[in-house]
Protein backbone atom coordinates (compact mmCIF):
# COMPACT_ATOMS: atom_id res chain seq x y z
CA MET A 1 1.57 -24.48 3.55
CA ILE A 2 4.42 -22.06 4.20
CA ASP A 3 3.39 -18.47 4.85
CA ALA A 4 5.00 -16.04 2.42
CA ARG A 5 7.28 -13.41 3.94
CA TYR A 6 7.35 -9.85 2.71
CA GLN A 7 9.30 -6.66 3.14
CA VAL A 8 8.20 -3.06 2.89
CA LEU A 9 9.82 -1.04 0.14
CA VAL A 10 9.96 2.74 -0.21
CA ASN A 11 10.90 4.90 -3.19
CA ASP A 12 12.20 8.45 -3.53
CA GLU A 13 8.62 9.78 -3.50
CA ASP A 14 8.00 8.14 -0.07
CA GLN A 15 5.55 5.67 -1.61
CA ARG A 16 5.39 2.20 -0.04
CA SER A 17 4.99 -1.26 -1.52
CA LEU A 18 5.09 -4.86 -0.30
CA TRP A 19 7.64 -7.13 -1.94
CA PRO A 20 8.37 -10.84 -1.50
CA LEU A 21 11.33 -11.32 0.82
CA GLY A 22 14.38 -12.63 -1.00
CA LYS A 23 13.29 -11.41 -4.42
CA GLU A 24 15.52 -8.86 -6.17
CA LEU A 25 14.32 -5.33 -5.51
CA PRO A 26 12.91 -3.35 -8.43
CA GLN A 27 14.90 -0.38 -9.64
CA GLY A 28 14.15 2.82 -7.75
CA TRP A 29 13.01 1.05 -4.59
CA ARG A 30 14.83 0.23 -1.35
CA SER A 31 13.96 -1.80 1.71
CA GLU A 32 12.51 0.19 4.59
CA GLY A 33 13.62 -2.48 7.05
CA LYS A 34 10.21 -3.93 7.94
CA GLU A 35 9.76 -7.64 7.23
CA GLY A 36 7.00 -10.05 8.18
CA SER A 37 3.76 -11.62 7.05
CA ARG A 38 1.67 -9.81 4.47
CA GLN A 39 -0.68 -8.59 7.22
CA GLU A 40 2.16 -7.41 9.46
CA CYS A 41 3.64 -5.43 6.58
CA MET A 42 0.24 -4.00 5.60
CA ASP A 43 -0.38 -2.90 9.19
CA TYR A 44 3.03 -1.21 9.24
CA VAL A 45 2.35 0.59 5.95
CA ASP A 46 -1.04 1.74 7.23
CA SER A 47 0.62 3.21 10.34
CA VAL A 48 3.45 5.09 8.57
CA TRP A 49 2.04 6.06 5.16
CA THR A 50 -0.66 8.45 6.28
CA ASP A 51 -0.29 10.98 3.47
CA MET A 52 -0.60 9.22 0.11
CA ARG A 53 0.57 12.21 -1.92
CA PRO A 54 4.01 11.77 -3.51
CA ARG A 55 6.78 13.72 -1.79
CA SER A 56 7.25 16.03 -4.81
CA LEU A 57 3.57 17.05 -4.67
CA ARG A 58 3.68 17.64 -0.90
CA GLU A 59 6.78 19.80 -1.29
CA ARG A 60 5.29 21.78 -4.18
CA MET A 61 2.04 22.37 -2.31
CA ALA A 62 3.96 23.47 0.81
CA ALA A 63 6.04 25.89 -1.26
CA GLU A 64 2.83 27.34 -2.72
CA GLY A 65 1.29 27.64 0.74
CA GLN A 66 -1.32 24.94 0.15
CA ALA A 67 -0.22 22.50 2.85
């Protein structure tokens, strides 16, 4: 059995997703440059996506002094 390869995608809200390598990217998403096994990509996402709030919410809360 061949292990599936994935890439990590990111959108304008800094949200992450795993996507099969070689498959056309969905609209609004771009590759973050990390590729590997599902577990390697999940470990990467866990290490970089530490604040799950969308960017727009983080920015609004910071502007309101609620960081």
